[in-house]
Amino acid sequence: MRVIWKQDPKAGIFGNHINRSCAYERQWMTKGRESGMPEEDYWNSFFDAECVIRKLFGEEGCRDNVVEFGCGYGTFTFPAARHATGTVYAFDIEPDLIGRLQMRAKREAVSNIVAEIRDFVADGTGLGSGSQSHAMLYNLLHIEDPDGLIREAYRVLHPNGRLSVIHWRSDIPTPRGPSPEIRPTPEQCKAWIEASGFRDAQEIDLEECCKYHFGMVAIR
């Protein structure tokens, strides 16, 4: 994979990564769009992650394994681990973020998180087909091939497994996030999700959890 480094004050996000002024931008050739890196506390300030997971996982939580595409700092990884009886497989392309997540899991004695460096956009997750109960696609579907990620989520989920999605809204001003013109709408996400074979796709109101984002769930 070819990587170009340049300084760009308009860098955006890839996975759970968000832009900051004068940050170094990592542009993935043909893989994704607008990537950058915020301060962790600033990023986390946009979410009540426990609230997000509770709404998207449902009151029953997840009875088995979870896969998270683009775990970043682990903002949603740790709440997901608390709401899952199985293992949370957390993937990110950034080695330093995976290292930090692994150290935190060890420090907090969280035993059901497996964090791995992986370019899941290019190579998929490497997980077995039908091996997961829940797939998390958070702040990712502005990439150039959102259908590919959704299809990979469909592949790894077992029948009746759940997909959850969140993304930055494009209908209101937001302090950060990718360029508005590449942000998908809920309607676009629903169309992509249903085209990949999911059913019962529905938007979830996340106003009380993260006012700059919308949520969606669907069933495999």
Protein backbone atom coordinates (compact mmCIF):
# COMPACT_ATOMS: atom_id res chain seq x y z
CA MET A 1 0.00 0.00 0.00
CA ARG A 2 1.33 3.40 -0.95
CA VAL A 3 1.12 6.14 1.66
CA ILE A 4 1.62 9.85 1.10
CA TRP A 5 2.34 12.04 4.11
CA LYS A 6 1.60 15.72 3.86
CA GLN A 7 0.64 18.54 6.17
CA ASP A 8 -2.99 19.49 5.77
CA PRO A 9 -5.14 21.54 8.15
CA LYS A 10 -8.29 20.04 6.66
CA ALA A 11 -7.53 16.42 7.41
CA GLY A 12 -10.55 14.29 8.32
CA ILE A 13 -11.11 10.86 9.86
CA PHE A 14 -10.51 7.21 9.11
CA GLY A 15 -12.29 4.81 11.51
CA ASN A 16 -12.30 6.42 14.93
CA HIS A 17 -9.65 9.03 13.90
CA ILE A 18 -10.58 12.67 13.52
CA ASN A 19 -8.84 15.71 12.08
CA ARG A 20 -6.99 18.52 13.86
CA SER A 21 -5.49 21.69 12.46
CA CYS A 22 -1.96 21.34 11.03
CA ALA A 23 -1.96 17.60 11.71
CA TYR A 24 -0.13 15.21 9.44
CA GLU A 25 -2.65 13.64 7.12
CA ARG A 26 -2.40 10.05 6.02
CA GLN A 27 -4.00 9.63 2.61
CA TRP A 28 -4.66 6.05 1.59
CA MET A 29 -4.35 5.64 -2.14
CA THR A 30 -7.61 3.93 -3.28
CA LYS A 31 -8.33 2.69 0.28
CA GLY A 32 -9.97 5.52 2.18
CA ARG A 33 -10.46 9.26 2.35
CA GLU A 34 -9.50 11.98 4.80
CA SER A 35 -7.59 10.50 7.70
CA GLY A 36 -5.94 12.26 10.60
CA MET A 37 -5.56 12.11 14.34
CA PRO A 38 -7.05 14.07 17.26
CA GLU A 39 -6.19 14.20 20.93
CA GLU A 40 -7.85 11.31 22.71
CA ASP A 41 -9.73 13.39 25.28
CA TYR A 42 -11.04 15.68 22.56
CA TRP A 43 -12.24 12.75 20.47
CA ASN A 44 -13.94 11.10 23.44
CA SER A 45 -15.72 14.34 24.34
CA PHE A 46 -18.02 13.87 21.34
CA PHE A 47 -19.55 10.67 22.68
CA ASP A 48 -21.24 9.10 25.63
CA ALA A 49 -19.89 5.77 24.43
CA GLU A 50 -21.74 3.71 27.03
CA CYS A 51 -25.00 5.31 25.88
CA VAL A 52 -24.18 4.60 22.22
CA ILE A 53 -23.42 0.93 22.86
CA ARG A 54 -26.48 0.47 25.03
CA LYS A 55 -28.74 1.87 22.30
CA LEU A 56 -27.12 0.00 19.41
CA PHE A 57 -26.55 -3.32 21.17
CA GLY A 58 -29.99 -3.31 22.78
CA GLU A 59 -30.90 -4.11 26.36
CA GLU A 60 -29.93 -7.74 25.90
CA GLY A 61 -26.38 -6.85 24.82
CA CYS A 62 -24.44 -9.29 22.65
CA ARG A 63 -24.54 -12.99 23.54
CA ASP A 64 -21.39 -13.86 21.62
CA ASN A 65 -18.49 -12.32 19.67
CA VAL A 66 -18.21 -8.77 18.33
CA VAL A 67 -16.03 -7.36 15.54
CA GLU A 68 -15.13 -3.68 15.53
CA PHE A 69 -13.86 -2.15 12.30
CA GLY A 70 -11.53 0.75 13.18
CA CYS A 71 -11.24 0.71 16.97
CA GLY A 72 -9.05 3.81 17.31
CA TYR A 73 -8.52 4.69 20.97
CA GLY A 74 -10.98 2.03 22.12
CA THR A 75 -13.72 4.58 22.75
CA PHE A 76 -16.39 2.01 21.91
CA THR A 77 -14.29 -1.13 22.37
CA PHE A 78 -14.40 -1.17 26.16
CA PRO A 79 -18.14 -0.47 26.48
CA ALA A 80 -18.73 -3.16 23.84
CA ALA A 81 -16.66 -5.61 25.88
CA ARG A 82 -18.84 -4.89 28.91
CA HIS A 83 -21.99 -5.62 26.90
CA ALA A 84 -20.73 -8.80 25.21
CA THR A 85 -20.40 -12.31 26.62
CA GLY A 86 -17.87 -13.27 23.95
CA THR A 87 -14.72 -11.72 22.52
CA VAL A 88 -14.49 -8.26 20.97
CA TYR A 89 -12.15 -8.40 17.95
CA ALA A 90 -10.89 -4.84 17.54
CA PHE A 91 -9.06 -3.93 14.32
CA ASP A 92 -7.18 -0.81 13.31
CA ILE A 93 -4.44 0.00 10.82
CA GLU A 94 -2.52 2.20 13.30
CA PRO A 95 0.07 0.25 15.35
CA ASP A 96 0.30 2.87 18.09
CA LEU A 97 -3.45 2.82 18.67
CA ILE A 98 -3.53 -0.95 18.86
CA GLY A 99 -0.61 -0.87 21.28
CA ARG A 100 -2.36 1.65 23.51
CA LEU A 101 -5.57 -0.37 23.47
CA GLN A 102 -3.73 -3.57 24.38
CA MET A 103 -1.95 -1.84 27.27
CA ARG A 104 -5.22 -0.41 28.59
CA ALA A 105 -6.95 -3.80 28.38
CA LYS A 106 -4.10 -5.35 30.35
CA ARG A 107 -4.06 -2.54 32.89
CA GLU A 108 -7.82 -2.78 33.45
CA ALA A 109 -7.80 -6.60 33.36
CA VAL A 110 -10.27 -6.75 30.48
CA SER A 111 -9.81 -10.27 29.13
CA ASN A 112 -12.35 -10.37 26.28
CA ILE A 113 -10.68 -7.90 23.89
CA VAL A 114 -8.39 -9.07 21.08
CA ALA A 115 -6.83 -6.05 19.34
CA GLU A 116 -4.98 -6.52 16.06
CA ILE A 117 -3.22 -4.31 13.53
CA ARG A 118 -5.04 -4.93 10.26
CA ASP A 119 -5.88 -3.17 7.02
CA PHE A 120 -9.40 -4.52 6.88
CA VAL A 121 -10.27 -2.25 3.95
CA ALA A 122 -7.75 -4.06 1.74
CA ASP A 123 -7.60 -7.47 3.39
CA GLY A 124 -10.85 -7.99 5.27
CA THR A 125 -10.95 -9.03 8.91
CA GLY A 126 -9.55 -12.53 8.53
CA LEU A 127 -12.35 -13.82 10.75
CA GLY A 128 -14.33 -16.92 9.88
CA SER A 129 -17.59 -16.62 8.02
CA GLY A 130 -20.57 -16.60 10.37
CA SER A 131 -18.32 -16.33 13.45
CA GLN A 132 -19.63 -13.06 14.92
CA SER A 133 -22.84 -11.92 16.56
CA HIS A 134 -22.32 -8.16 16.17
CA ALA A 135 -20.36 -5.98 13.73
CA MET A 136 -19.52 -2.35 14.50
CA LEU A 137 -18.93 0.12 11.63
CA TYR A 138 -18.45 3.45 13.38
CA ASN A 139 -17.43 6.63 11.53
CA LEU A 140 -16.23 4.63 8.55
CA LEU A 141 -18.72 4.69 5.72
CA HIS A 142 -17.33 7.83 4.07
CA ILE A 143 -14.52 5.67 2.63
CA GLU A 144 -14.34 5.08 -1.12
CA ASP A 145 -15.78 1.55 -0.93
CA PRO A 146 -18.37 1.45 1.86
CA ASP A 147 -20.10 -1.50 0.21
CA GLY A 148 -16.95 -3.60 0.64
CA LEU A 149 -16.92 -3.07 4.41
CA ILE A 150 -20.63 -3.79 4.70
CA ARG A 151 -20.22 -6.99 2.70
CA GLU A 152 -17.36 -8.08 4.96
CA ALA A 153 -19.54 -7.38 8.00
CA TYR A 154 -22.29 -9.50 6.42
CA ARG A 155 -19.85 -12.34 5.75
CA VAL A 156 -18.53 -12.60 9.30
CA LEU A 157 -21.94 -12.29 10.99
CA HIS A 158 -23.97 -15.39 11.66
CA PRO A 159 -27.66 -15.49 10.68
CA ASN A 160 -29.63 -13.04 12.86
CA GLY A 161 -26.38 -11.27 13.82
CA ARG A 162 -26.58 -7.50 14.19
CA LEU A 163 -24.81 -4.71 12.32
CA SER A 164 -24.53 -1.30 13.97
CA VAL A 165 -23.42 1.91 12.28
CA ILE A 166 -22.78 5.44 13.41
CA HIS A 167 -21.55 8.38 11.38
CA TRP A 168 -21.17 12.14 11.49
CA ARG A 169 -24.33 13.92 10.43
CA SER A 170 -24.28 16.07 7.30
CA ASP A 171 -27.47 18.01 8.00
CA ILE A 172 -26.03 20.15 10.83
CA PRO A 173 -22.72 21.94 11.46
CA THR A 174 -20.23 19.77 13.37
CA PRO A 175 -16.94 20.76 15.01
CA ARG A 176 -15.02 17.91 13.38
CA GLY A 177 -15.46 15.04 10.96
CA PRO A 178 -14.86 14.35 7.27
CA SER A 179 -15.87 16.83 4.59
CA PRO A 180 -19.66 17.17 4.47
CA GLU A 181 -19.79 16.26 0.80
CA ILE A 182 -18.44 12.74 1.45
CA ARG A 183 -20.49 12.01 4.55
CA PRO A 184 -23.21 9.42 3.87
CA THR A 185 -26.78 10.17 4.82
CA PRO A 186 -28.90 7.70 6.79
CA GLU A 187 -30.80 7.00 3.59
CA GLN A 188 -27.59 6.14 1.72
CA CYS A 189 -26.41 3.89 4.53
CA LYS A 190 -29.72 2.08 4.63
CA ALA A 191 -29.60 1.51 0.86
CA TRP A 192 -26.03 0.12 1.03
CA ILE A 193 -26.90 -2.10 3.99
CA GLU A 194 -30.01 -3.55 2.39
CA ALA A 195 -28.21 -4.07 -0.94
CA SER A 196 -25.68 -6.24 0.91
CA GLY A 197 -28.42 -8.56 2.15
CA PHE A 198 -29.25 -7.17 5.59
CA ARG A 199 -32.85 -6.80 6.70
CA ASP A 200 -34.82 -4.62 9.11
CA ALA A 201 -32.43 -1.66 8.77
CA GLN A 202 -33.58 1.18 10.96
CA GLU A 203 -32.22 4.49 12.14
CA ILE A 204 -31.55 4.87 15.87
CA ASP A 205 -31.85 8.23 17.61
CA LEU A 206 -28.51 9.01 19.27
CA GLU A 207 -29.26 12.60 20.23
CA GLU A 208 -28.70 11.99 23.94
CA CYS A 209 -25.48 10.03 23.30
CA CYS A 210 -23.71 11.97 20.53
CA LYS A 211 -25.64 14.83 19.00
CA TYR A 212 -23.41 15.13 15.94
CA HIS A 213 -24.01 11.54 14.83
CA PHE A 214 -26.77 9.29 13.58
CA GLY A 215 -27.05 5.58 14.30
CA MET A 216 -28.43 2.57 12.45
CA VAL A 217 -28.88 -1.14 13.09
CA ALA A 218 -29.75 -4.04 10.80
CA ILE A 219 -30.04 -7.81 11.00
CA ARG A 220 -28.09 -10.38 8.98
